[in-house]
Amino acid sequence: MSDITANFRAAALSGPLLKRAALTGGLVAIAIVAALLRSGSGLVVWQSVVTGLLTGGLYGLIAMGLTLIFGVLDIVNFAHGALLAVAMFISFGVVQGTGLHPYLTLVIAVPALFLIGAVVHRGLLSGSGGATLENQLLITLGLSLLLENGLLMFFGAEPKTVALPGDFQFSLFGAVVTGGRLYAFGGAILIGAVLFYLLRRTRFGTAIRAVAANGQGAELVGVNVRRVHTLTFAIGTACAGAAAVLAAPLVTVTPTLGDQFNITAFVVVVLGGMGNVAGALVGGLLIGLVEQLTTIYMGGQSSLLGVFVVFLVVLFLRPEGLFGRKS
């Protein structure tokens, strides 16, 4: 009987979800057509679409960690971008010191960020000091400033680059795709799939979802809620570490680089729905497209302008996000 009820509930939820997905797809198609009319060049628009999707995969991975932390712990982590910058400098330092391939630094940066995330949660956020929303915001904001200034003191203000050996490029129906962007996109999708499998197909993932739904109820049936909170925060931080290593060869690494990624990640989280991991990936792809198409509409102006317009529209029309549920 419970299976039948679950099936009916899933069917009831899938209808509105499909409608929103169809509406979103329609709006994206209209935006692409408008960009085509604006530029007059199908190749320019196609290049923007390809680049936007490849970049959006990374945005989705960054936002997945952020939305996982919020969905389970109700913590808005302003230090997420600074932790991402820490991972980039770990990758840079290891490459410079050992000559290791940048992507192989994943085996160092991801565990390091996992441990840092666990220490930050257990030491700063899990006690009474991090019990209120105001304290959480102040703690994570202060941690962000501390990490950024620490990186500035240790590595200096000069921009750093992480070279990618054997990088290549090829033409995808006229659009130029570099190996670095392709690897980063593929890695982000793969890590996102692993995270989704962890949440949906493992006992620990069941515990995470139980704590997110009802922490007190989960504790009554034997779930160690404090442990789940710490590990969830650590996993979310490790996602930022993985995204940082994948993105490092594509950007100029600076101590404050995480701020820009932080802003974009928060927009992605709101767009996909707070606490919705799958929505974060879809939202990342959409924001990647918006960034690139904005450069066509605005004639080279800041690509973040279009991102903020989308952010405000979503907040006004559907504050729970495109794929979130109303409370």
Protein backbone atom coordinates (compact mmCIF):
# COMPACT_ATOMS: atom_id res chain seq x y z
CA MET A 1 0.00 0.00 0.00
CA SER A 2 2.85 2.35 0.83
CA ASP A 3 4.40 1.69 -2.62
CA ILE A 4 1.14 2.67 -4.30
CA THR A 5 0.97 5.85 -2.23
CA ALA A 6 4.56 6.66 -3.10
CA ASN A 7 3.87 6.13 -6.79
CA PHE A 8 0.86 8.45 -6.69
CA ARG A 9 2.91 11.06 -4.84
CA ALA A 10 5.76 10.81 -7.36
CA ALA A 11 3.30 11.15 -10.24
CA ALA A 12 1.71 14.20 -8.62
CA LEU A 13 5.11 15.87 -8.20
CA SER A 14 6.42 14.94 -11.66
CA GLY A 15 3.69 16.87 -13.50
CA PRO A 16 4.58 20.36 -12.23
CA LEU A 17 8.28 19.49 -12.42
CA LEU A 18 8.00 18.56 -16.09
CA LYS A 19 6.05 21.73 -16.78
CA ARG A 20 8.76 23.85 -15.15
CA ALA A 21 11.46 21.96 -17.06
CA ALA A 22 9.59 22.49 -20.33
CA LEU A 23 9.08 26.19 -19.55
CA THR A 24 12.78 26.58 -18.70
CA GLY A 25 13.78 24.83 -21.93
CA GLY A 26 11.45 27.09 -23.89
CA LEU A 27 12.92 30.23 -22.33
CA VAL A 28 16.45 29.01 -23.09
CA ALA A 29 15.46 28.40 -26.72
CA ILE A 30 13.97 31.91 -26.96
CA ALA A 31 17.15 33.40 -25.45
CA ILE A 32 19.30 31.56 -27.98
CA VAL A 33 17.13 32.72 -30.88
CA ALA A 34 17.26 36.31 -29.57
CA ALA A 35 21.05 36.06 -29.33
CA LEU A 36 21.16 34.80 -32.90
CA LEU A 37 19.11 37.78 -34.08
CA ARG A 38 21.31 40.13 -32.08
CA SER A 39 24.65 38.81 -33.32
CA GLY A 40 23.65 37.74 -36.81
CA SER A 41 26.12 34.87 -36.59
CA GLY A 42 25.09 31.32 -35.82
CA LEU A 43 28.71 30.36 -35.15
CA VAL A 44 29.11 33.04 -32.45
CA VAL A 45 25.94 31.88 -30.71
CA TRP A 46 26.91 28.20 -30.98
CA GLN A 47 30.33 28.99 -29.48
CA SER A 48 28.62 30.78 -26.59
CA VAL A 49 26.27 27.85 -26.00
CA VAL A 50 29.09 25.30 -25.96
CA THR A 51 31.33 27.41 -23.73
CA GLY A 52 28.41 28.20 -21.43
CA LEU A 53 27.48 24.55 -20.94
CA LEU A 54 31.08 23.49 -20.31
CA THR A 55 31.55 26.29 -17.77
CA GLY A 56 28.14 25.62 -16.25
CA GLY A 57 29.14 22.08 -15.31
CA LEU A 58 31.81 23.51 -12.98
CA TYR A 59 29.35 26.02 -11.54
CA GLY A 60 26.99 23.15 -10.84
CA LEU A 61 29.66 21.17 -8.96
CA ILE A 62 30.55 24.19 -6.81
CA ALA A 63 26.88 24.86 -6.07
CA MET A 64 26.20 21.19 -5.27
CA GLY A 65 28.50 21.40 -2.26
CA LEU A 66 26.91 24.67 -1.16
CA THR A 67 23.33 23.46 -1.51
CA LEU A 68 24.11 20.14 0.21
CA ILE A 69 25.40 22.02 3.25
CA PHE A 70 22.34 24.25 3.32
CA GLY A 71 19.87 21.44 2.71
CA VAL A 72 21.10 19.32 5.60
CA LEU A 73 22.56 21.83 8.07
CA ASP A 74 20.65 25.04 7.19
CA ILE A 75 24.01 26.82 7.05
CA VAL A 76 24.61 29.55 4.46
CA ASN A 77 28.36 29.11 4.02
CA PHE A 78 29.96 32.39 2.96
CA ALA A 79 33.40 30.76 3.26
CA HIS A 80 32.67 28.36 0.38
CA GLY A 81 34.46 30.52 -2.19
CA ALA A 82 37.48 31.11 0.05
CA LEU A 83 37.80 27.37 0.65
CA LEU A 84 37.69 26.89 -3.11
CA ALA A 85 40.57 29.37 -3.44
CA VAL A 86 42.52 27.40 -0.81
CA ALA A 87 42.12 24.26 -2.93
CA MET A 88 43.33 26.12 -6.03
CA PHE A 89 46.47 27.22 -4.22
CA ILE A 90 47.02 23.69 -2.92
CA SER A 91 46.90 22.48 -6.52
CA PHE A 92 49.20 25.31 -7.63
CA GLY A 93 51.68 24.62 -4.83
CA VAL A 94 51.82 20.88 -5.47
CA VAL A 95 52.27 21.37 -9.22
CA GLN A 96 55.03 23.93 -8.67
CA GLY A 97 56.78 21.86 -6.02
CA THR A 98 56.56 18.37 -7.53
CA GLY A 99 55.72 18.80 -11.20
CA LEU A 100 52.65 16.59 -10.72
CA HIS A 101 49.90 16.79 -13.36
CA PRO A 102 47.29 19.34 -12.20
CA TYR A 103 44.42 16.85 -12.25
CA LEU A 104 46.39 14.37 -10.15
CA THR A 105 46.39 16.94 -7.36
CA LEU A 106 42.76 15.94 -6.85
CA VAL A 107 44.05 13.12 -4.61
CA ILE A 108 45.63 15.76 -2.36
CA ALA A 109 43.29 18.75 -2.57
CA VAL A 110 39.99 16.86 -2.14
CA PRO A 111 41.00 14.98 1.06
CA ALA A 112 42.60 18.19 2.38
CA LEU A 113 39.39 20.16 1.84
CA PHE A 114 37.37 17.30 3.34
CA LEU A 115 39.46 17.49 6.52
CA ILE A 116 39.33 21.29 6.59
CA GLY A 117 35.55 21.18 6.23
CA ALA A 118 35.23 18.67 9.07
CA VAL A 119 37.46 20.78 11.34
CA VAL A 120 35.58 24.00 10.49
CA HIS A 121 32.21 22.45 11.25
CA ARG A 122 33.25 20.61 14.40
CA GLY A 123 35.38 23.45 15.73
CA LEU A 124 33.40 26.54 14.73
CA LEU A 125 29.85 25.72 13.70
CA SER A 126 28.60 22.68 15.61
CA GLY A 127 28.75 24.23 19.08
CA SER A 128 26.55 26.84 20.68
CA GLY A 129 28.48 29.60 18.92
CA GLY A 130 27.13 28.50 15.55
CA ALA A 131 23.61 27.72 16.72
CA THR A 132 21.93 30.84 15.32
CA LEU A 133 21.78 32.02 11.71
CA GLU A 134 23.41 35.34 12.59
CA ASN A 135 26.37 33.59 14.22
CA GLN A 136 26.75 31.21 11.27
CA LEU A 137 26.87 34.12 8.83
CA LEU A 138 29.40 36.02 10.92
CA ILE A 139 31.58 32.94 11.48
CA THR A 140 31.68 31.91 7.82
CA LEU A 141 32.19 35.50 6.65
CA GLY A 142 35.03 35.95 9.15
CA LEU A 143 36.56 32.65 8.08
CA SER A 144 36.39 33.76 4.47
CA LEU A 145 38.27 36.98 5.24
CA LEU A 146 40.83 35.06 7.31
CA LEU A 147 41.52 32.53 4.56
CA GLU A 148 41.76 35.16 1.81
CA ASN A 149 44.21 37.29 3.78
CA GLY A 150 46.18 34.20 4.77
CA LEU A 151 46.57 33.26 1.10
CA LEU A 152 47.52 36.84 0.31
CA MET A 153 50.25 36.83 2.96
CA PHE A 154 51.61 33.41 2.03
CA PHE A 155 51.43 33.48 -1.78
CA GLY A 156 51.37 37.22 -2.47
CA ALA A 157 49.01 39.24 -4.63
CA GLU A 158 50.57 38.29 -7.98
CA PRO A 159 48.21 36.23 -10.15
CA LYS A 160 49.25 32.60 -10.57
CA THR A 161 48.62 30.17 -13.40
CA VAL A 162 48.41 26.39 -13.44
CA ALA A 163 49.66 25.05 -16.77
CA LEU A 164 47.89 22.03 -18.23
CA PRO A 165 50.37 19.73 -20.05
CA GLY A 166 49.15 18.32 -23.32
CA ASP A 167 46.19 20.68 -23.63
CA PHE A 168 44.52 20.60 -27.02
CA GLN A 169 41.57 22.01 -28.87
CA PHE A 170 39.18 20.75 -31.51
CA SER A 171 36.19 21.95 -33.48
CA LEU A 172 32.70 20.84 -32.46
CA PHE A 173 30.50 21.78 -35.41
CA GLY A 174 32.48 25.01 -35.70
CA ALA A 175 32.79 25.82 -32.00
CA VAL A 176 36.28 25.65 -30.51
CA VAL A 177 36.51 23.34 -27.48
CA THR A 178 39.69 23.11 -25.41
CA GLY A 179 40.77 19.95 -23.66
CA GLY A 180 40.89 21.74 -20.29
CA ARG A 181 37.23 22.80 -20.47
CA LEU A 182 36.16 19.37 -21.70
CA TYR A 183 38.02 17.57 -18.91
CA ALA A 184 36.63 19.99 -16.32
CA PHE A 185 33.08 19.47 -17.56
CA GLY A 186 33.44 15.70 -17.66
CA GLY A 187 34.99 15.62 -14.20
CA ALA A 188 32.22 17.81 -12.78
CA ILE A 189 29.48 15.60 -14.26
CA LEU A 190 31.22 12.45 -13.00
CA ILE A 191 31.65 13.80 -9.47
CA GLY A 192 28.07 15.05 -9.49
CA ALA A 193 26.86 11.57 -10.48
CA VAL A 194 28.91 10.00 -7.67
CA LEU A 195 27.42 12.46 -5.18
CA PHE A 196 23.90 11.76 -6.44
CA TYR A 197 24.53 8.00 -6.11
CA LEU A 198 25.87 8.52 -2.59
CA LEU A 199 22.74 10.40 -1.57
CA ARG A 200 20.22 8.08 -3.23
CA ARG A 201 21.72 4.58 -3.16
CA THR A 202 23.77 4.24 0.02
CA ARG A 203 22.91 3.87 3.69
CA PHE A 204 24.86 6.99 4.55
CA GLY A 205 22.96 8.90 1.87
CA THR A 206 19.72 7.68 3.43
CA ALA A 207 20.96 8.98 6.78
CA ILE A 208 21.76 12.36 5.22
CA ARG A 209 18.30 12.62 3.68
CA ALA A 210 16.68 11.54 6.94
CA VAL A 211 18.54 14.21 8.89
CA ALA A 212 17.64 16.82 6.27
CA ALA A 213 13.96 15.86 6.48
CA ASN A 214 13.69 15.54 10.27
CA GLY A 215 16.77 15.69 12.46
CA GLN A 216 14.98 14.82 15.68
CA GLY A 217 13.22 11.86 14.11
CA ALA A 218 16.48 10.58 12.62
CA GLU A 219 18.16 10.82 16.02
CA LEU A 220 15.33 8.82 17.61
CA VAL A 221 15.94 5.90 15.24
CA GLY A 222 19.66 5.79 15.97
CA VAL A 223 21.26 8.17 13.45
CA ASN A 224 24.24 10.10 14.82
CA VAL A 225 23.05 13.52 13.70
CA ARG A 226 26.18 15.40 14.76
CA ARG A 227 28.38 12.99 12.79
CA VAL A 228 26.13 13.30 9.73
CA HIS A 229 26.28 17.09 9.97
CA THR A 230 30.07 17.11 10.15
CA LEU A 231 30.53 14.66 7.29
CA THR A 232 27.99 16.49 5.14
CA PHE A 233 29.79 19.79 5.65
CA ALA A 234 33.07 18.03 4.83
CA ILE A 235 31.63 16.49 1.65
CA GLY A 236 30.25 19.84 0.53
CA THR A 237 33.64 21.44 1.09
CA ALA A 238 35.36 18.58 -0.77
CA CYS A 239 33.08 19.29 -3.76
CA ALA A 240 34.45 22.84 -3.79
CA GLY A 241 37.97 21.38 -3.64
CA ALA A 242 37.32 19.12 -6.63
CA ALA A 243 35.82 21.98 -8.64
CA ALA A 244 38.82 24.17 -7.76
CA VAL A 245 41.34 21.65 -9.10
CA LEU A 246 39.33 21.19 -12.31
CA ALA A 247 38.99 24.95 -12.80
CA ALA A 248 42.56 25.95 -11.84
CA PRO A 249 44.07 25.48 -15.35
CA LEU A 250 41.26 27.62 -16.83
CA VAL A 251 41.56 30.73 -14.66
CA THR A 252 44.10 33.08 -13.15
CA VAL A 253 44.51 32.01 -9.54
CA THR A 254 44.36 34.84 -6.97
CA PRO A 255 43.52 34.88 -3.24
CA THR A 256 40.19 36.63 -3.89
CA LEU A 257 39.12 34.54 -6.86
CA GLY A 258 36.71 32.58 -4.67
CA ASP A 259 34.50 35.66 -4.20
CA GLN A 260 33.36 35.61 -7.83
CA PHE A 261 32.69 31.88 -7.74
CA ASN A 262 30.86 32.35 -4.43
CA ILE A 263 28.46 34.89 -5.92
CA THR A 264 27.75 32.70 -8.93
CA ALA A 265 27.29 29.61 -6.75
CA PHE A 266 24.69 31.34 -4.57
CA VAL A 267 22.76 32.38 -7.67
CA VAL A 268 22.90 28.79 -8.95
CA VAL A 269 21.66 27.45 -5.60
CA VAL A 270 18.70 29.85 -5.57
CA LEU A 271 17.92 29.07 -9.21
CA GLY A 272 17.99 25.30 -8.73
CA GLY A 273 16.26 25.33 -5.35
CA MET A 274 17.89 25.55 -1.92
CA GLY A 275 18.93 22.05 -0.84
CA ASN A 276 18.28 20.47 -4.26
CA VAL A 277 21.50 18.81 -5.46
CA ALA A 278 20.20 17.86 -8.93
CA GLY A 279 18.72 21.34 -9.28
CA ALA A 280 22.16 22.82 -8.56
CA LEU A 281 23.65 21.00 -11.55
CA VAL A 282 20.85 22.13 -13.86
CA GLY A 283 21.07 25.63 -12.44
CA GLY A 284 24.81 25.68 -13.08
CA LEU A 285 24.31 24.79 -16.73
CA LEU A 286 21.67 27.52 -17.08
CA ILE A 287 23.84 30.18 -15.43
CA GLY A 288 26.77 29.19 -17.64
CA LEU A 289 24.56 29.80 -20.67
CA VAL A 290 23.27 33.11 -19.27
CA GLU A 291 26.83 34.36 -18.71
CA GLN A 292 27.89 33.65 -22.27
CA LEU A 293 24.72 34.89 -23.93
CA THR A 294 24.88 38.13 -21.92
CA THR A 295 28.14 38.99 -23.67
CA ILE A 296 26.23 38.86 -26.96
CA TYR A 297 23.29 40.96 -25.72
CA MET A 298 25.36 43.58 -23.91
CA GLY A 299 28.19 43.90 -26.39
CA GLY A 300 31.05 42.90 -24.12
CA GLN A 301 29.69 44.30 -20.86
CA SER A 302 29.95 42.36 -17.61
CA SER A 303 28.55 38.85 -18.01
CA LEU A 304 27.44 38.91 -14.37
CA LEU A 305 24.77 41.48 -15.24
CA GLY A 306 22.63 38.83 -16.91
CA VAL A 307 23.22 36.47 -13.99
CA PHE A 308 21.91 39.04 -11.51
CA VAL A 309 18.88 39.77 -13.69
CA VAL A 310 18.01 36.06 -13.69
CA PHE A 311 18.61 35.95 -9.93
CA LEU A 312 16.16 38.80 -9.28
CA VAL A 313 13.52 37.42 -11.63
CA VAL A 314 13.63 33.99 -9.99
CA LEU A 315 13.48 35.51 -6.51
CA PHE A 316 10.44 37.56 -7.52
CA LEU A 317 8.49 34.90 -9.43
CA ARG A 318 9.56 31.67 -7.71
CA PRO A 319 11.65 32.26 -4.57
CA GLU A 320 11.91 28.52 -3.82
CA GLY A 321 13.78 28.02 -7.11
CA LEU A 322 12.89 26.32 -10.38
CA PHE A 323 13.14 22.80 -8.95
CA GLY A 324 12.49 23.47 -5.27
CA ARG A 325 9.28 22.68 -3.43
CA LYS A 326 7.11 25.24 -1.72
CA SER A 327 7.26 25.04 2.07
